[in-house]
Amino acid sequence: MPVTNPWLERRREPRLPASGEVTLYLDQPVMLEISAQLLDISSSGFRAKHMYPALQNGMLIQVRIEDVESTALVVWNRILDEFVETGFILK
């Protein structure tokens, strides 16, 4: 019988691979538009990669995915050598 570790998988919903453009809009500290690439999506959020390392957990931002605009909460960031991955919850 395989042993499962609850710390390895904390997702509540399945993620589906996804691709496409995502635009992130920040208004603080200054107005900024960030281009990102969608990596995966679930019914309540998504993960994207981009080149802006200053996103902070807890920030509420506007996002546009396929001409649909929404508000999203920044949940986590992973800063890698070539890009940044960020997880978002849609509000």
Protein backbone atom coordinates (compact mmCIF):
# COMPACT_ATOMS: atom_id res chain seq x y z
CA MET A 1 0.00 0.00 0.00
CA PRO A 2 1.55 3.37 -1.02
CA VAL A 3 2.17 5.91 1.69
CA THR A 4 0.85 9.38 0.96
CA ASN A 5 2.40 12.46 2.44
CA PRO A 6 -0.15 15.28 2.98
CA TRP A 7 2.67 17.86 2.80
CA LEU A 8 3.53 16.92 -0.78
CA GLU A 9 0.08 17.60 -2.23
CA ARG A 10 -1.97 20.42 -0.75
CA ARG A 11 -4.14 21.21 -3.75
CA ARG A 12 -7.87 21.10 -3.14
CA GLU A 13 -8.81 20.99 -6.81
CA PRO A 14 -7.26 19.32 -9.82
CA ARG A 15 -5.17 21.54 -12.07
CA LEU A 16 -5.40 21.29 -15.81
CA PRO A 17 -2.52 22.19 -18.11
CA ALA A 18 -3.21 25.44 -19.91
CA SER A 19 -1.47 27.87 -22.20
CA GLY A 20 -2.09 31.36 -23.44
CA GLU A 21 -1.47 34.97 -22.61
CA VAL A 22 -2.34 36.49 -19.25
CA THR A 23 -2.10 40.20 -18.55
CA LEU A 24 -1.55 41.29 -14.95
CA TYR A 25 -2.46 44.86 -13.98
CA LEU A 26 -0.98 46.48 -10.89
CA ASP A 27 -1.88 49.94 -9.66
CA GLN A 28 0.47 50.19 -6.68
CA PRO A 29 3.06 51.49 -6.24
CA VAL A 30 2.63 52.62 -9.87
CA MET A 31 0.40 51.58 -12.77
CA LEU A 32 1.99 48.58 -14.45
CA GLU A 33 0.95 46.03 -17.07
CA ILE A 34 2.77 42.68 -16.97
CA SER A 35 2.66 40.05 -19.71
CA ALA A 36 2.55 36.46 -18.44
CA GLN A 37 2.09 32.93 -19.77
CA LEU A 38 -0.61 30.66 -18.36
CA LEU A 39 0.78 27.33 -17.08
CA ASP A 40 -2.22 25.63 -15.51
CA ILE A 41 -5.71 26.41 -14.27
CA SER A 42 -8.29 25.13 -11.80
CA SER A 43 -11.85 26.16 -11.07
CA SER A 44 -10.66 28.76 -8.54
CA GLY A 45 -7.26 29.92 -9.74
CA PHE A 46 -4.28 29.62 -12.03
CA ARG A 47 -0.50 29.56 -12.23
CA ALA A 48 1.46 31.78 -14.60
CA LYS A 49 5.06 32.59 -15.41
CA HIS A 50 6.36 36.12 -15.94
CA MET A 51 9.38 38.37 -15.47
CA TYR A 52 8.21 40.54 -12.53
CA PRO A 53 9.73 39.36 -9.20
CA ALA A 54 8.13 42.10 -7.04
CA LEU A 55 4.64 40.53 -6.79
CA GLN A 56 3.91 39.89 -3.12
CA ASN A 57 1.66 37.36 -1.42
CA GLY A 58 -1.66 38.95 -0.52
CA MET A 59 -1.70 41.51 -3.35
CA LEU A 60 -5.02 41.92 -5.15
CA ILE A 61 -4.52 42.60 -8.84
CA GLN A 62 -6.58 42.74 -12.01
CA VAL A 63 -5.98 40.02 -14.60
CA ARG A 64 -7.13 39.40 -18.14
CA ILE A 65 -7.26 35.88 -19.56
CA GLU A 66 -8.74 35.47 -23.04
CA ASP A 67 -10.59 38.80 -22.93
CA VAL A 68 -12.11 38.03 -19.51
CA GLU A 69 -11.09 40.45 -16.77
CA SER A 70 -11.17 39.49 -13.10
CA THR A 71 -9.56 40.20 -9.75
CA ALA A 72 -6.97 37.75 -8.45
CA LEU A 73 -5.13 37.28 -5.17
CA VAL A 74 -1.39 36.51 -5.28
CA VAL A 75 -0.97 33.35 -3.18
CA TRP A 76 2.66 32.38 -3.75
CA ASN A 77 5.75 33.19 -5.83
CA ARG A 78 8.64 31.03 -6.94
CA ILE A 79 11.55 33.07 -8.28
CA LEU A 80 13.65 31.01 -10.68
CA ASP A 81 16.71 31.91 -12.73
CA GLU A 82 14.86 32.59 -16.00
CA PHE A 83 11.40 33.66 -14.80
CA VAL A 84 8.96 33.90 -11.88
CA GLU A 85 6.05 31.50 -11.28
CA THR A 86 3.06 32.82 -9.35
CA GLY A 87 -0.07 31.12 -8.06
CA PHE A 88 -3.30 33.12 -8.04
CA ILE A 89 -6.80 32.64 -6.63
CA LEU A 90 -9.58 34.26 -8.66
CA LYS A 91 -11.93 36.51 -6.68
